[in-house]
């Protein structure tokens, strides 16, 4: 079973930075778009940032200018700067993957990594 493996979450003080990373656990043929979503306590999941295979990016309004998404081959990163308590959430990685040449494109999700911003 293919999984997306996330790392880099944790506890950070307001104004601090964290870097999340995510990659598939096994072999794949190709990845289309990749992205990060988050779910704050008691709220719905929302888009944080996404990046296409061509490098085009899209950000949620609340993180523009503070967060940066990037990718290197099959790994996607989220650099988070100037963190505030409102960024506290479980962060989920998402990727649109073709596992084998000629198979369909499917969406995969990571299990989530907790980011807590608190003094």
C-alpha atoms as a PDB file:
ATOM      1  CA  UNK A   1       0.000   0.000   0.000  1.00  0.00           C
ATOM      2  CA  UNK A   2       1.561   3.275  -1.095  1.00  0.00           C
ATOM      3  CA  UNK A   3       1.758   5.943   1.588  1.00  0.00           C
ATOM      4  CA  UNK A   4       2.898   9.538   1.789  1.00  0.00           C
ATOM      5  CA  UNK A   5       5.356   9.942   4.635  1.00  0.00           C
ATOM      6  CA  UNK A   6       5.518  13.353   6.314  1.00  0.00           C
ATOM      7  CA  UNK A   7       8.139  14.731   8.680  1.00  0.00           C
ATOM      8  CA  UNK A   8       9.162  17.995  10.308  1.00  0.00           C
ATOM      9  CA  UNK A   9       6.237  18.912  12.533  1.00  0.00           C
ATOM     10  CA  UNK A  10       6.577  19.900  16.164  1.00  0.00           C
ATOM     11  CA  UNK A  11       6.319  22.662  18.714  1.00  0.00           C
ATOM     12  CA  UNK A  12       7.658  26.110  17.856  1.00  0.00           C
ATOM     13  CA  UNK A  13       7.402  29.548  19.446  1.00  0.00           C
ATOM     14  CA  UNK A  14       5.528  32.396  17.730  1.00  0.00           C
ATOM     15  CA  UNK A  15       7.730  33.992  15.100  1.00  0.00           C
ATOM     16  CA  UNK A  16       9.665  30.786  14.583  1.00  0.00           C
ATOM     17  CA  UNK A  17      10.086  28.539  11.559  1.00  0.00           C
ATOM     18  CA  UNK A  18       9.554  24.920  10.630  1.00  0.00           C
ATOM     19  CA  UNK A  19      10.129  22.899   7.475  1.00  0.00           C
ATOM     20  CA  UNK A  20       7.856  20.019   6.548  1.00  0.00           C
ATOM     21  CA  UNK A  21       8.719  17.358   4.007  1.00  0.00           C
ATOM     22  CA  UNK A  22       6.725  14.588   2.363  1.00  0.00           C
ATOM     23  CA  UNK A  23       7.542  11.763  -0.031  1.00  0.00           C
ATOM     24  CA  UNK A  24       5.951   8.504  -1.220  1.00  0.00           C
ATOM     25  CA  UNK A  25       6.962   5.383   0.699  1.00  0.00           C
ATOM     26  CA  UNK A  26       7.458   3.198  -2.384  1.00  0.00           C
ATOM     27  CA  UNK A  27       8.225   3.265  -6.073  1.00  0.00           C
ATOM     28  CA  UNK A  28       5.983   5.205  -8.439  1.00  0.00           C
ATOM     29  CA  UNK A  29       5.958   6.193 -12.074  1.00  0.00           C
ATOM     30  CA  UNK A  30       5.048   9.879 -11.863  1.00  0.00           C
ATOM     31  CA  UNK A  31       3.630  12.590  -9.618  1.00  0.00           C
ATOM     32  CA  UNK A  32       1.476  15.425 -10.895  1.00  0.00           C
ATOM     33  CA  UNK A  33       0.498  18.090  -8.358  1.00  0.00           C
ATOM     34  CA  UNK A  34       1.567  17.968  -4.718  1.00  0.00           C
ATOM     35  CA  UNK A  35       0.338  20.059  -1.847  1.00  0.00           C
ATOM     36  CA  UNK A  36      -0.153  20.720   1.816  1.00  0.00           C
ATOM     37  CA  UNK A  37      -3.452  21.087   3.643  1.00  0.00           C
ATOM     38  CA  UNK A  38      -4.109  21.757   7.296  1.00  0.00           C
ATOM     39  CA  UNK A  39      -6.907  21.202   9.771  1.00  0.00           C
ATOM     40  CA  UNK A  40      -6.951  23.476  12.819  1.00  0.00           C
ATOM     41  CA  UNK A  41      -8.747  22.211  15.940  1.00  0.00           C
ATOM     42  CA  UNK A  42     -12.508  22.287  15.426  1.00  0.00           C
ATOM     43  CA  UNK A  43     -12.248  23.563  11.841  1.00  0.00           C
ATOM     44  CA  UNK A  44     -12.377  22.131   8.334  1.00  0.00           C
ATOM     45  CA  UNK A  45      -9.352  21.114   6.329  1.00  0.00           C
ATOM     46  CA  UNK A  46      -8.019  23.942   4.155  1.00  0.00           C
ATOM     47  CA  UNK A  47      -5.466  24.390   1.406  1.00  0.00           C
ATOM     48  CA  UNK A  48      -2.115  25.730   2.554  1.00  0.00           C
ATOM     49  CA  UNK A  49      -0.096  25.487  -0.648  1.00  0.00           C
ATOM     50  CA  UNK A  50       0.137  23.454  -3.823  1.00  0.00           C
ATOM     51  CA  UNK A  51       2.702  22.996  -6.580  1.00  0.00           C
ATOM     52  CA  UNK A  52       2.320  21.483 -10.025  1.00  0.00           C
ATOM     53  CA  UNK A  53       4.818  19.250 -11.792  1.00  0.00           C
ATOM     54  CA  UNK A  54       5.854  22.341 -13.752  1.00  0.00           C
ATOM     55  CA  UNK A  55       6.563  24.349 -10.606  1.00  0.00           C
ATOM     56  CA  UNK A  56       3.494  26.593 -10.575  1.00  0.00           C
ATOM     57  CA  UNK A  57       2.431  27.385  -7.024  1.00  0.00           C
ATOM     58  CA  UNK A  58      -0.770  28.368  -5.252  1.00  0.00           C
ATOM     59  CA  UNK A  59      -1.143  29.535  -1.636  1.00  0.00           C
ATOM     60  CA  UNK A  60      -3.933  30.020   0.849  1.00  0.00           C
ATOM     61  CA  UNK A  61      -4.487  33.703   1.638  1.00  0.00           C
ATOM     62  CA  UNK A  62      -3.486  33.362   5.286  1.00  0.00           C
ATOM     63  CA  UNK A  63       0.005  32.044   4.493  1.00  0.00           C
ATOM     64  CA  UNK A  64       1.001  34.156   1.496  1.00  0.00           C
ATOM     65  CA  UNK A  65       4.360  35.815   2.057  1.00  0.00           C
ATOM     66  CA  UNK A  66       5.189  33.559   5.029  1.00  0.00           C
ATOM     67  CA  UNK A  67       5.159  30.013   3.648  1.00  0.00           C
ATOM     68  CA  UNK A  68       6.946  28.603   0.613  1.00  0.00           C
ATOM     69  CA  UNK A  69       6.277  25.305  -1.118  1.00  0.00           C
ATOM     70  CA  UNK A  70       8.909  23.575  -3.227  1.00  0.00           C
ATOM     71  CA  UNK A  71       9.631  20.135  -4.610  1.00  0.00           C
ATOM     72  CA  UNK A  72      12.622  18.088  -5.618  1.00  0.00           C
ATOM     73  CA  UNK A  73      11.703  15.083  -7.739  1.00  0.00           C
ATOM     74  CA  UNK A  74       9.176  13.186  -5.627  1.00  0.00           C
ATOM     75  CA  UNK A  75       9.601  15.103  -2.376  1.00  0.00           C
ATOM     76  CA  UNK A  76       7.580  18.185  -1.483  1.00  0.00           C
ATOM     77  CA  UNK A  77       8.623  20.713   1.151  1.00  0.00           C
ATOM     78  CA  UNK A  78       6.817  23.424   3.056  1.00  0.00           C
ATOM     79  CA  UNK A  79       8.975  26.134   4.592  1.00  0.00           C
ATOM     80  CA  UNK A  80       6.952  27.935   7.244  1.00  0.00           C
ATOM     81  CA  UNK A  81       8.227  31.251   8.596  1.00  0.00           C
ATOM     82  CA  UNK A  82       6.822  33.869  10.968  1.00  0.00           C
ATOM     83  CA  UNK A  83       4.548  31.273  12.535  1.00  0.00           C
ATOM     84  CA  UNK A  84       1.637  32.402  14.687  1.00  0.00           C
ATOM     85  CA  UNK A  85      -0.663  30.454  17.031  1.00  0.00           C
ATOM     86  CA  UNK A  86      -3.277  30.556  14.249  1.00  0.00           C
ATOM     87  CA  UNK A  87      -1.018  28.237  12.226  1.00  0.00           C
ATOM     88  CA  UNK A  88      -1.499  25.501  14.813  1.00  0.00           C
ATOM     89  CA  UNK A  89      -3.023  22.527  13.012  1.00  0.00           C
ATOM     90  CA  UNK A  90      -2.468  19.034  11.718  1.00  0.00           C
ATOM     91  CA  UNK A  91      -0.742  19.384   8.354  1.00  0.00           C
ATOM     92  CA  UNK A  92      -1.477  16.834   5.630  1.00  0.00           C
ATOM     93  CA  UNK A  93       0.487  16.120   2.478  1.00  0.00           C
ATOM     94  CA  UNK A  94      -1.403  15.372  -0.735  1.00  0.00           C
ATOM     95  CA  UNK A  95      -0.148  14.089  -4.084  1.00  0.00           C
ATOM     96  CA  UNK A  96      -1.676  13.049  -7.397  1.00  0.00           C
ATOM     97  CA  UNK A  97       0.223   9.927  -8.407  1.00  0.00           C
ATOM     98  CA  UNK A  98       0.432   7.456 -11.288  1.00  0.00           C
ATOM     99  CA  UNK A  99       1.935   4.350  -9.712  1.00  0.00           C
ATOM    100  CA  UNK A 100       2.601   2.427 -12.913  1.00  0.00           C
ATOM    101  CA  UNK A 101       2.879   3.713 -16.485  1.00  0.00           C
ATOM    102  CA  UNK A 102      -0.574   3.651 -18.047  1.00  0.00           C
ATOM    103  CA  UNK A 103      -2.461   3.286 -14.783  1.00  0.00           C
ATOM    104  CA  UNK A 104      -4.840   5.956 -13.528  1.00  0.00           C
ATOM    105  CA  UNK A 105      -3.951   9.043 -11.530  1.00  0.00           C
ATOM    106  CA  UNK A 106      -4.974   8.738  -7.880  1.00  0.00           C
ATOM    107  CA  UNK A 107      -4.905  11.137  -4.937  1.00  0.00           C
ATOM    108  CA  UNK A 108      -2.941  10.068  -1.866  1.00  0.00           C
ATOM    109  CA  UNK A 109      -2.849  11.616   1.591  1.00  0.00           C
ATOM    110  CA  UNK A 110      -0.328  11.476   4.385  1.00  0.00           C
ATOM    111  CA  UNK A 111      -1.327  10.623   7.945  1.00  0.00           C
ATOM    112  CA  UNK A 112      -0.719  14.175   9.117  1.00  0.00           C
ATOM    113  CA  UNK A 113       1.898  15.882  11.220  1.00  0.00           C
ATOM    114  CA  UNK A 114       1.092  18.153  14.157  1.00  0.00           C
ATOM    115  CA  UNK A 115       2.364  21.730  14.129  1.00  0.00           C
ATOM    116  CA  UNK A 116       1.869  23.644  17.364  1.00  0.00           C
ATOM    117  CA  UNK A 117       2.795  27.317  17.688  1.00  0.00           C
ATOM    118  CA  UNK A 118       2.868  28.377  21.306  1.00  0.00           C
ATOM    119  CA  UNK A 119       5.025  30.216  23.787  1.00  0.00           C
END
